[in-house]
All heavy atoms as atom14 arrays in JSON, in Angstrom:
{
  "sequence": "PQISWMDIPHVSTEVSARNVFFFLTIFPNAVFALYGFTPYLVQTWSI",
  "atom14_mask": [
    [1, 1, 1, 1, 1, 1, 1, 0, 0, 0, 0, 0, 0, 0],
    [1, 1, 1, 1, 1, 1, 1, 1, 1, 0, 0, 0, 0, 0],
    [1, 1, 1, 1, 1, 1, 1, 1, 0, 0, 0, 0, 0, 0],
    [1, 1, 1, 1, 1, 1, 0, 0, 0, 0, 0, 0, 0, 0],
    [1, 1, 1, 1, 1, 1, 1, 1, 1, 1, 1, 1, 1, 1],
    [1, 1, 1, 1, 1, 1, 1, 1, 0, 0, 0, 0, 0, 0],
    [1, 1, 1, 1, 1, 1, 1, 1, 0, 0, 0, 0, 0, 0],
    [1, 1, 1, 1, 1, 1, 1, 1, 0, 0, 0, 0, 0, 0],
    [1, 1, 1, 1, 1, 1, 1, 0, 0, 0, 0, 0, 0, 0],
    [1, 1, 1, 1, 1, 1, 1, 1, 1, 1, 0, 0, 0, 0],
    [1, 1, 1, 1, 1, 1, 1, 0, 0, 0, 0, 0, 0, 0],
    [1, 1, 1, 1, 1, 1, 0, 0, 0, 0, 0, 0, 0, 0],
    [1, 1, 1, 1, 1, 1, 1, 0, 0, 0, 0, 0, 0, 0],
    [1, 1, 1, 1, 1, 1, 1, 1, 1, 0, 0, 0, 0, 0],
    [1, 1, 1, 1, 1, 1, 1, 0, 0, 0, 0, 0, 0, 0],
    [1, 1, 1, 1, 1, 1, 0, 0, 0, 0, 0, 0, 0, 0],
    [1, 1, 1, 1, 1, 0, 0, 0, 0, 0, 0, 0, 0, 0],
    [1, 1, 1, 1, 1, 1, 1, 1, 1, 1, 1, 0, 0, 0],
    [1, 1, 1, 1, 1, 1, 1, 1, 0, 0, 0, 0, 0, 0],
    [1, 1, 1, 1, 1, 1, 1, 0, 0, 0, 0, 0, 0, 0],
    [1, 1, 1, 1, 1, 1, 1, 1, 1, 1, 1, 0, 0, 0],
    [1, 1, 1, 1, 1, 1, 1, 1, 1, 1, 1, 0, 0, 0],
    [1, 1, 1, 1, 1, 1, 1, 1, 1, 1, 1, 0, 0, 0],
    [1, 1, 1, 1, 1, 1, 1, 1, 0, 0, 0, 0, 0, 0],
    [1, 1, 1, 1, 1, 1, 1, 0, 0, 0, 0, 0, 0, 0],
    [1, 1, 1, 1, 1, 1, 1, 1, 0, 0, 0, 0, 0, 0],
    [1, 1, 1, 1, 1, 1, 1, 1, 1, 1, 1, 0, 0, 0],
    [1, 1, 1, 1, 1, 1, 1, 0, 0, 0, 0, 0, 0, 0],
    [1, 1, 1, 1, 1, 1, 1, 1, 0, 0, 0, 0, 0, 0],
    [1, 1, 1, 1, 1, 0, 0, 0, 0, 0, 0, 0, 0, 0],
    [1, 1, 1, 1, 1, 1, 1, 0, 0, 0, 0, 0, 0, 0],
    [1, 1, 1, 1, 1, 1, 1, 1, 1, 1, 1, 0, 0, 0],
    [1, 1, 1, 1, 1, 0, 0, 0, 0, 0, 0, 0, 0, 0],
    [1, 1, 1, 1, 1, 1, 1, 1, 0, 0, 0, 0, 0, 0],
    [1, 1, 1, 1, 1, 1, 1, 1, 1, 1, 1, 1, 0, 0],
    [1, 1, 1, 1, 0, 0, 0, 0, 0, 0, 0, 0, 0, 0],
    [1, 1, 1, 1, 1, 1, 1, 1, 1, 1, 1, 0, 0, 0],
    [1, 1, 1, 1, 1, 1, 1, 0, 0, 0, 0, 0, 0, 0],
    [1, 1, 1, 1, 1, 1, 1, 0, 0, 0, 0, 0, 0, 0],
    [1, 1, 1, 1, 1, 1, 1, 1, 1, 1, 1, 1, 0, 0],
    [1, 1, 1, 1, 1, 1, 1, 1, 0, 0, 0, 0, 0, 0],
    [1, 1, 1, 1, 1, 1, 1, 0, 0, 0, 0, 0, 0, 0],
    [1, 1, 1, 1, 1, 1, 1, 1, 1, 0, 0, 0, 0, 0],
    [1, 1, 1, 1, 1, 1, 1, 0, 0, 0, 0, 0, 0, 0],
    [1, 1, 1, 1, 1, 1, 1, 1, 1, 1, 1, 1, 1, 1],
    [1, 1, 1, 1, 1, 1, 0, 0, 0, 0, 0, 0, 0, 0],
    [1, 1, 1, 1, 1, 1, 1, 1, 0, 0, 0, 0, 0, 0]
  ],
  "atom14_positions": [
    [[126.89, 132.5, 123.72], [126.02, 131.83, 124.71], [124.59, 131.63, 124.22], [123.86, 130.79, 124.77], [126.06, 132.79, 125.91], [127.37, 133.47, 125.8], [127.59, 133.66, 124.32], [0.0, 0.0, 0.0], [0.0, 0.0, 0.0], [0.0, 0.0, 0.0], [0.0, 0.0, 0.0], [0.0, 0.0, 0.0], [0.0, 0.0, 0.0], [0.0, 0.0, 0.0]],
    [[124.17, 132.38, 123.19], [122.82, 132.22, 122.65], [122.75, 131.11, 121.6], [121.67, 130.76, 121.13], [122.36, 133.54, 122.01], [122.48, 134.76, 122.91], [121.77, 134.57, 124.23], [120.65, 134.06, 124.28], [122.41, 134.98, 125.32], [0.0, 0.0, 0.0], [0.0, 0.0, 0.0], [0.0, 0.0, 0.0], [0.0, 0.0, 0.0], [0.0, 0.0, 0.0]],
    [[123.92, 130.58, 121.23], [123.98, 129.52, 120.21], [124.29, 128.21, 120.91], [125.45, 127.88, 121.17], [125.04, 129.84, 119.13], [124.79, 131.23, 118.54], [125.02, 128.78, 118.04], [125.88, 131.69, 117.59], [0.0, 0.0, 0.0], [0.0, 0.0, 0.0], [0.0, 0.0, 0.0], [0.0, 0.0, 0.0], [0.0, 0.0, 0.0], [0.0, 0.0, 0.0]],
    [[123.28, 127.46, 121.25], [123.47, 126.23, 122.04], [124.35, 125.21, 121.31], [125.01, 124.39, 121.95], [122.12, 125.61, 122.38], [121.38, 125.32, 121.2], [0.0, 0.0, 0.0], [0.0, 0.0, 0.0], [0.0, 0.0, 0.0], [0.0, 0.0, 0.0], [0.0, 0.0, 0.0], [0.0, 0.0, 0.0], [0.0, 0.0, 0.0], [0.0, 0.0, 0.0]],
    [[124.36, 125.27, 119.98], [125.17, 124.33, 119.18], [126.65, 124.48, 119.52], [127.41, 123.52, 119.37], [124.94, 124.6, 117.7], [125.65, 123.66, 116.77], [125.29, 122.39, 116.46], [126.84, 123.93, 116.02], [126.18, 121.84, 115.56], [127.14, 122.78, 115.28], [127.66, 125.05, 115.89], [128.24, 122.7, 114.42], [128.77, 124.97, 115.05], [129.04, 123.81, 114.32]],
    [[127.08, 125.66, 120.0], [128.49, 125.91, 120.29], [128.85, 125.64, 121.76], [129.98, 125.89, 122.18], [128.84, 127.37, 119.96], [129.02, 127.63, 118.47], [130.54, 126.88, 117.82], [131.78, 127.97, 118.54], [0.0, 0.0, 0.0], [0.0, 0.0, 0.0], [0.0, 0.0, 0.0], [0.0, 0.0, 0.0], [0.0, 0.0, 0.0], [0.0, 0.0, 0.0]],
    [[127.89, 125.11, 122.54], [128.18, 124.82, 123.95], [129.31, 123.8, 124.07], [129.39, 122.84, 123.28], [126.94, 124.28, 124.66], [125.89, 125.35, 124.87], [126.18, 126.53, 124.61], [124.77, 124.99, 125.29], [0.0, 0.0, 0.0], [0.0, 0.0, 0.0], [0.0, 0.0, 0.0], [0.0, 0.0, 0.0], [0.0, 0.0, 0.0], [0.0, 0.0, 0.0]],
    [[130.16, 124.01, 125.06], [131.22, 123.05, 125.36], [130.69, 122.07, 126.4], [130.17, 122.49, 127.43], [132.48, 123.77, 125.9], [133.0, 124.75, 124.85], [133.56, 122.77, 126.28], [134.16, 125.6, 125.34], [0.0, 0.0, 0.0], [0.0, 0.0, 0.0], [0.0, 0.0, 0.0], [0.0, 0.0, 0.0], [0.0, 0.0, 0.0], [0.0, 0.0, 0.0]],
    [[130.76, 120.76, 126.15], [130.2, 119.77, 127.08], [130.7, 119.96, 128.51], [131.89, 120.15, 128.74], [130.7, 118.44, 126.5], [130.91, 118.71, 125.05], [131.37, 120.13, 124.97], [0.0, 0.0, 0.0], [0.0, 0.0, 0.0], [0.0, 0.0, 0.0], [0.0, 0.0, 0.0], [0.0, 0.0, 0.0], [0.0, 0.0, 0.0], [0.0, 0.0, 0.0]],
    [[129.76, 119.94, 129.44], [130.04, 119.99, 130.88], [130.66, 121.32, 131.32], [131.23, 121.4, 132.42], [130.96, 118.83, 131.3], [130.57, 117.51, 130.74], [129.36, 116.92, 131.03], [131.21, 116.66, 129.88], [129.28, 115.75, 130.39], [130.38, 115.58, 129.69], [0.0, 0.0, 0.0], [0.0, 0.0, 0.0], [0.0, 0.0, 0.0], [0.0, 0.0, 0.0]],
    [[130.55, 122.35, 130.49], [131.07, 123.67, 130.86], [129.92, 124.66, 130.82], [129.25, 124.81, 129.8], [132.2, 124.14, 129.91], [132.65, 125.56, 130.26], [133.38, 123.19, 129.97], [0.0, 0.0, 0.0], [0.0, 0.0, 0.0], [0.0, 0.0, 0.0], [0.0, 0.0, 0.0], [0.0, 0.0, 0.0], [0.0, 0.0, 0.0], [0.0, 0.0, 0.0]],
    [[129.69, 125.34, 131.92], [128.59, 126.28, 132.01], [128.83, 127.52, 131.15], [129.96, 128.02, 131.07], [128.38, 126.71, 133.47], [127.41, 127.74, 133.57], [0.0, 0.0, 0.0], [0.0, 0.0, 0.0], [0.0, 0.0, 0.0], [0.0, 0.0, 0.0], [0.0, 0.0, 0.0], [0.0, 0.0, 0.0], [0.0, 0.0, 0.0], [0.0, 0.0, 0.0]],
    [[127.79, 128.01, 130.52], [127.88, 129.23, 129.71], [127.49, 130.46, 130.52], [127.57, 131.58, 130.01], [126.97, 129.14, 128.48], [125.61, 128.93, 128.92], [127.39, 128.0, 127.57], [0.0, 0.0, 0.0], [0.0, 0.0, 0.0], [0.0, 0.0, 0.0], [0.0, 0.0, 0.0], [0.0, 0.0, 0.0], [0.0, 0.0, 0.0], [0.0, 0.0, 0.0]],
    [[127.08, 130.26, 131.77], [126.68, 131.39, 132.6], [127.9, 132.19, 133.06], [128.91, 131.62, 133.48], [125.9, 130.9, 133.82], [124.56, 130.27, 133.47], [123.77, 129.87, 134.7], [124.24, 130.21, 135.82], [122.72, 129.23, 134.56], [0.0, 0.0, 0.0], [0.0, 0.0, 0.0], [0.0, 0.0, 0.0], [0.0, 0.0, 0.0], [0.0, 0.0, 0.0]],
    [[127.79, 133.5, 132.96], [128.86, 134.4, 133.39], [128.26, 135.43, 134.34], [127.29, 136.11, 134.0], [129.52, 135.11, 132.19], [130.64, 136.03, 132.68], [130.08, 134.09, 131.2], [0.0, 0.0, 0.0], [0.0, 0.0, 0.0], [0.0, 0.0, 0.0], [0.0, 0.0, 0.0], [0.0, 0.0, 0.0], [0.0, 0.0, 0.0], [0.0, 0.0, 0.0]],
    [[128.82, 135.53, 135.53], [128.28, 136.46, 136.52], [128.57, 137.91, 136.16], [129.48, 138.19, 135.37], [128.87, 136.15, 137.9], [130.25, 136.47, 137.93], [0.0, 0.0, 0.0], [0.0, 0.0, 0.0], [0.0, 0.0, 0.0], [0.0, 0.0, 0.0], [0.0, 0.0, 0.0], [0.0, 0.0, 0.0], [0.0, 0.0, 0.0], [0.0, 0.0, 0.0]],
    [[127.81, 138.81, 136.75], [128.03, 140.24, 136.52], [129.42, 140.65, 136.99], [130.06, 141.53, 136.39], [126.97, 141.05, 137.27], [0.0, 0.0, 0.0], [0.0, 0.0, 0.0], [0.0, 0.0, 0.0], [0.0, 0.0, 0.0], [0.0, 0.0, 0.0], [0.0, 0.0, 0.0], [0.0, 0.0, 0.0], [0.0, 0.0, 0.0], [0.0, 0.0, 0.0]],
    [[129.91, 140.01, 138.04], [131.26, 140.31, 138.54], [132.31, 139.95, 137.49], [133.25, 140.73, 137.25], [131.5, 139.51, 139.82], [132.89, 139.65, 140.41], [132.97, 138.92, 141.74], [132.39, 137.57, 141.64], [132.11, 136.81, 142.7], [132.3, 137.27, 143.92], [131.6, 135.6, 142.53], [0.0, 0.0, 0.0], [0.0, 0.0, 0.0], [0.0, 0.0, 0.0]],
    [[132.14, 138.8, 136.84], [133.08, 138.4, 135.8], [133.02, 139.34, 134.61], [134.04, 139.68, 134.02], [132.79, 136.96, 135.35], [133.23, 135.94, 136.38], [133.6, 136.31, 137.5], [133.17, 134.68, 136.03], [0.0, 0.0, 0.0], [0.0, 0.0, 0.0], [0.0, 0.0, 0.0], [0.0, 0.0, 0.0], [0.0, 0.0, 0.0], [0.0, 0.0, 0.0]],
    [[131.81, 139.76, 134.25], [131.65, 140.7, 133.14], [132.4, 141.99, 133.45], [133.07, 142.57, 132.58], [130.16, 140.98, 132.86], [130.01, 142.12, 131.85], [129.47, 139.72, 132.34], [0.0, 0.0, 0.0], [0.0, 0.0, 0.0], [0.0, 0.0, 0.0], [0.0, 0.0, 0.0], [0.0, 0.0, 0.0], [0.0, 0.0, 0.0], [0.0, 0.0, 0.0]],
    [[132.28, 142.45, 134.69], [132.98, 143.67, 135.11], [134.48, 143.51, 134.93], [135.16, 144.41, 134.4], [132.65, 143.98, 136.57], [133.47, 145.1, 137.14], [133.15, 146.43, 136.87], [134.57, 144.83, 137.95], [133.91, 147.47, 137.39], [135.34, 145.87, 138.48], [135.0, 147.18, 138.19], [0.0, 0.0, 0.0], [0.0, 0.0, 0.0], [0.0, 0.0, 0.0]],
    [[135.03, 142.39, 135.38], [136.48, 142.15, 135.23], [136.88, 142.11, 133.76], [137.92, 142.66, 133.38], [136.88, 140.83, 135.92], [136.99, 140.93, 137.41], [136.4, 139.99, 138.23], [137.72, 141.96, 137.99], [136.51, 140.08, 139.61], [137.84, 142.06, 139.38], [137.23, 141.11, 140.18], [0.0, 0.0, 0.0], [0.0, 0.0, 0.0], [0.0, 0.0, 0.0]],
    [[136.07, 141.47, 132.94], [136.38, 141.42, 131.51], [136.38, 142.81, 130.89], [137.29, 143.18, 130.14], [135.37, 140.53, 130.76], [135.69, 139.06, 130.81], [134.78, 138.15, 131.34], [136.89, 138.58, 130.3], [135.07, 136.79, 131.37], [137.19, 137.22, 130.33], [136.27, 136.32, 130.86], [0.0, 0.0, 0.0], [0.0, 0.0, 0.0], [0.0, 0.0, 0.0]],
    [[135.37, 143.6, 131.19], [135.22, 144.92, 130.58], [136.31, 145.88, 131.03], [136.7, 146.78, 130.27], [133.84, 145.51, 130.91], [132.65, 144.8, 130.27], [131.34, 145.45, 130.72], [132.75, 144.82, 128.74], [0.0, 0.0, 0.0], [0.0, 0.0, 0.0], [0.0, 0.0, 0.0], [0.0, 0.0, 0.0], [0.0, 0.0, 0.0], [0.0, 0.0, 0.0]],
    [[136.81, 145.73, 132.24], [137.87, 146.61, 132.74], [139.26, 146.03, 132.46], [140.25, 146.48, 133.03], [137.71, 146.85, 134.25], [137.62, 145.57, 134.93], [136.44, 147.65, 134.52], [0.0, 0.0, 0.0], [0.0, 0.0, 0.0], [0.0, 0.0, 0.0], [0.0, 0.0, 0.0], [0.0, 0.0, 0.0], [0.0, 0.0, 0.0], [0.0, 0.0, 0.0]],
    [[139.33, 145.05, 131.59], [140.57, 144.41, 131.14], [141.32, 143.78, 132.31], [142.53, 143.93, 132.46], [141.47, 145.39, 130.35], [140.64, 146.2, 129.35], [142.54, 144.62, 129.57], [141.44, 147.07, 128.42], [0.0, 0.0, 0.0], [0.0, 0.0, 0.0], [0.0, 0.0, 0.0], [0.0, 0.0, 0.0], [0.0, 0.0, 0.0], [0.0, 0.0, 0.0]],
    [[140.58, 143.05, 133.12], [141.16, 142.21, 134.16], [140.7, 140.76, 133.98], [140.27, 140.11, 134.94], [140.77, 142.71, 135.56], [141.66, 143.79, 136.08], [141.39, 145.12, 135.8], [142.79, 143.49, 136.82], [142.21, 146.12, 136.27], [143.63, 144.49, 137.3], [143.34, 145.81, 137.02], [0.0, 0.0, 0.0], [0.0, 0.0, 0.0], [0.0, 0.0, 0.0]],
    [[140.81, 140.23, 132.76], [140.39, 138.84, 132.55], [141.27, 137.85, 133.31], [140.83, 136.73, 133.59], [140.53, 138.65, 131.04], [141.56, 139.64, 130.63], [141.35, 140.83, 131.51], [0.0, 0.0, 0.0], [0.0, 0.0, 0.0], [0.0, 0.0, 0.0], [0.0, 0.0, 0.0], [0.0, 0.0, 0.0], [0.0, 0.0, 0.0], [0.0, 0.0, 0.0]],
    [[142.5, 138.26, 133.65], [143.34, 137.37, 134.45], [142.77, 137.18, 135.84], [143.0, 136.14, 136.47], [144.78, 137.9, 134.51], [144.88, 139.37, 134.86], [144.02, 140.17, 134.5], [145.95, 139.73, 135.55], [0.0, 0.0, 0.0], [0.0, 0.0, 0.0], [0.0, 0.0, 0.0], [0.0, 0.0, 0.0], [0.0, 0.0, 0.0], [0.0, 0.0, 0.0]],
    [[142.0, 138.16, 136.34], [141.32, 137.99, 137.63], [140.24, 136.93, 137.52], [140.06, 136.11, 138.43], [140.73, 139.32, 138.09], [0.0, 0.0, 0.0], [0.0, 0.0, 0.0], [0.0, 0.0, 0.0], [0.0, 0.0, 0.0], [0.0, 0.0, 0.0], [0.0, 0.0, 0.0], [0.0, 0.0, 0.0], [0.0, 0.0, 0.0], [0.0, 0.0, 0.0]],
    [[139.51, 136.93, 136.4], [138.47, 135.91, 136.18], [139.12, 134.53, 136.13], [138.64, 133.57, 136.75], [137.71, 136.19, 134.87], [136.67, 135.09, 134.62], [137.04, 137.55, 134.92], [0.0, 0.0, 0.0], [0.0, 0.0, 0.0], [0.0, 0.0, 0.0], [0.0, 0.0, 0.0], [0.0, 0.0, 0.0], [0.0, 0.0, 0.0], [0.0, 0.0, 0.0]],
    [[140.22, 134.42, 135.39], [140.9, 133.13, 135.23], [141.46, 132.64, 136.56], [141.35, 131.46, 136.9], [142.02, 133.28, 134.2], [142.74, 131.99, 133.91], [142.12, 130.97, 133.21], [144.05, 131.81, 134.32], [142.79, 129.78, 132.94], [144.72, 130.63, 134.06], [144.09, 129.61, 133.36], [0.0, 0.0, 0.0], [0.0, 0.0, 0.0], [0.0, 0.0, 0.0]],
    [[142.05, 133.55, 137.34], [142.66, 133.17, 138.61], [141.63, 132.76, 139.65], [141.85, 131.8, 140.41], [143.51, 134.32, 139.14], [0.0, 0.0, 0.0], [0.0, 0.0, 0.0], [0.0, 0.0, 0.0], [0.0, 0.0, 0.0], [0.0, 0.0, 0.0], [0.0, 0.0, 0.0], [0.0, 0.0, 0.0], [0.0, 0.0, 0.0], [0.0, 0.0, 0.0]],
    [[140.5, 133.46, 139.68], [139.51, 133.24, 140.74], [138.4, 132.27, 140.37], [137.89, 131.55, 141.22], [138.9, 134.58, 141.15], [139.88, 135.65, 141.66], [139.14, 136.94, 141.95], [140.6, 135.15, 142.9], [0.0, 0.0, 0.0], [0.0, 0.0, 0.0], [0.0, 0.0, 0.0], [0.0, 0.0, 0.0], [0.0, 0.0, 0.0], [0.0, 0.0, 0.0]],
    [[138.03, 132.26, 139.08], [136.83, 131.5, 138.71], [137.06, 130.46, 137.61], [136.16, 129.73, 137.26], [135.72, 132.47, 138.27], [135.52, 133.59, 139.26], [135.88, 134.89, 138.96], [135.01, 133.33, 140.54], [135.74, 135.92, 139.89], [134.85, 134.35, 141.47], [135.22, 135.64, 141.13], [135.07, 136.64, 142.05], [0.0, 0.0, 0.0], [0.0, 0.0, 0.0]],
    [[138.27, 130.41, 137.08], [138.6, 129.36, 136.14], [138.12, 129.59, 134.72], [138.06, 130.71, 134.22], [0.0, 0.0, 0.0], [0.0, 0.0, 0.0], [0.0, 0.0, 0.0], [0.0, 0.0, 0.0], [0.0, 0.0, 0.0], [0.0, 0.0, 0.0], [0.0, 0.0, 0.0], [0.0, 0.0, 0.0], [0.0, 0.0, 0.0], [0.0, 0.0, 0.0]],
    [[137.71, 128.5, 134.07], [137.45, 128.44, 132.63], [136.18, 129.21, 132.26], [135.11, 128.97, 132.8], [137.3, 126.98, 132.22], [137.29, 126.74, 130.74], [138.44, 126.41, 130.06], [136.11, 126.84, 130.01], [138.43, 126.17, 128.7], [136.08, 126.6, 128.65], [137.25, 126.27, 127.99], [0.0, 0.0, 0.0], [0.0, 0.0, 0.0], [0.0, 0.0, 0.0]],
    [[136.31, 130.16, 131.31], [135.16, 130.82, 130.71], [135.14, 130.43, 129.24], [136.13, 130.65, 128.53], [135.28, 132.36, 130.82], [135.38, 132.72, 132.2], [134.07, 133.04, 130.2], [0.0, 0.0, 0.0], [0.0, 0.0, 0.0], [0.0, 0.0, 0.0], [0.0, 0.0, 0.0], [0.0, 0.0, 0.0], [0.0, 0.0, 0.0], [0.0, 0.0, 0.0]],
    [[134.06, 129.83, 128.75], [134.03, 129.32, 127.39], [134.48, 130.34, 126.34], [133.96, 131.45, 126.3], [132.55, 128.94, 127.2], [132.07, 128.64, 128.57], [132.81, 129.6, 129.46], [0.0, 0.0, 0.0], [0.0, 0.0, 0.0], [0.0, 0.0, 0.0], [0.0, 0.0, 0.0], [0.0, 0.0, 0.0], [0.0, 0.0, 0.0], [0.0, 0.0, 0.0]],
    [[135.47, 129.94, 125.56], [135.98, 130.71, 124.42], [136.65, 132.02, 124.79], [137.03, 132.79, 123.91], [134.85, 130.97, 123.41], [134.2, 129.71, 122.91], [132.87, 129.43, 123.2], [134.93, 128.78, 122.18], [132.28, 128.25, 122.75], [134.35, 127.6, 121.73], [133.02, 127.33, 122.02], [132.45, 126.16, 121.57], [0.0, 0.0, 0.0], [0.0, 0.0, 0.0]],
    [[136.83, 132.29, 126.09], [137.48, 133.54, 126.5], [138.66, 133.31, 127.44], [139.29, 134.27, 127.88], [136.47, 134.46, 127.21], [135.35, 135.05, 126.34], [134.4, 135.86, 127.21], [135.92, 135.91, 125.22], [0.0, 0.0, 0.0], [0.0, 0.0, 0.0], [0.0, 0.0, 0.0], [0.0, 0.0, 0.0], [0.0, 0.0, 0.0], [0.0, 0.0, 0.0]],
    [[138.97, 132.06, 127.73], [140.02, 131.78, 128.71], [141.37, 132.34, 128.25], [142.19, 132.76, 129.07], [140.12, 130.26, 128.98], [140.59, 129.51, 127.75], [141.03, 130.0, 130.17], [0.0, 0.0, 0.0], [0.0, 0.0, 0.0], [0.0, 0.0, 0.0], [0.0, 0.0, 0.0], [0.0, 0.0, 0.0], [0.0, 0.0, 0.0], [0.0, 0.0, 0.0]],
    [[141.61, 132.4, 126.93], [142.89, 132.89, 126.42], [143.09, 134.38, 126.66], [144.22, 134.88, 126.6], [143.03, 132.58, 124.92], [142.18, 133.43, 123.99], [140.76, 132.92, 123.85], [140.26, 132.21, 124.7], [140.11, 133.27, 122.75], [0.0, 0.0, 0.0], [0.0, 0.0, 0.0], [0.0, 0.0, 0.0], [0.0, 0.0, 0.0], [0.0, 0.0, 0.0]],
    [[142.02, 135.1, 126.97], [142.14, 136.55, 127.15], [142.86, 136.93, 128.44], [143.2, 138.1, 128.63], [140.75, 137.23, 127.14], [139.98, 136.73, 128.23], [140.03, 136.98, 125.82], [0.0, 0.0, 0.0], [0.0, 0.0, 0.0], [0.0, 0.0, 0.0], [0.0, 0.0, 0.0], [0.0, 0.0, 0.0], [0.0, 0.0, 0.0], [0.0, 0.0, 0.0]],
    [[143.11, 135.96, 129.33], [143.79, 136.29, 130.59], [145.14, 136.95, 130.32], [145.54, 137.89, 131.02], [143.98, 135.04, 131.46], [145.08, 134.11, 131.03], [144.97, 133.08, 130.16], [146.44, 134.13, 131.46], [146.19, 132.45, 130.0], [147.11, 133.08, 130.8], [147.17, 134.94, 132.34], [148.46, 132.8, 130.97], [148.52, 134.67, 132.52], [149.15, 133.61, 131.84]],
    [[145.83, 136.5, 129.27], [147.15, 137.05, 128.97], [147.05, 138.47, 128.42], [147.99, 139.27, 128.57], [147.9, 136.16, 127.98], [147.26, 136.17, 126.72], [0.0, 0.0, 0.0], [0.0, 0.0, 0.0], [0.0, 0.0, 0.0], [0.0, 0.0, 0.0], [0.0, 0.0, 0.0], [0.0, 0.0, 0.0], [0.0, 0.0, 0.0], [0.0, 0.0, 0.0]],
    [[145.93, 138.81, 127.79], [145.74, 140.17, 127.29], [145.64, 141.13, 128.49], [146.2, 142.23, 128.47], [144.47, 140.27, 126.42], [144.51, 139.23, 125.3], [144.31, 141.68, 125.87], [145.72, 139.32, 124.41], [0.0, 0.0, 0.0], [0.0, 0.0, 0.0], [0.0, 0.0, 0.0], [0.0, 0.0, 0.0], [0.0, 0.0, 0.0], [0.0, 0.0, 0.0]]
  ]
}
């Protein structure tokens, strides 16, 4: 997110604290189900 050159067009790089919590506790599928696409991390839902 600090490298603007890697931004995906029309996709926000902002991630809420709630989403970070889900990611850290290995519930990325909750992020995907409730909030949709997270740049470069969407594939982690299956993990």
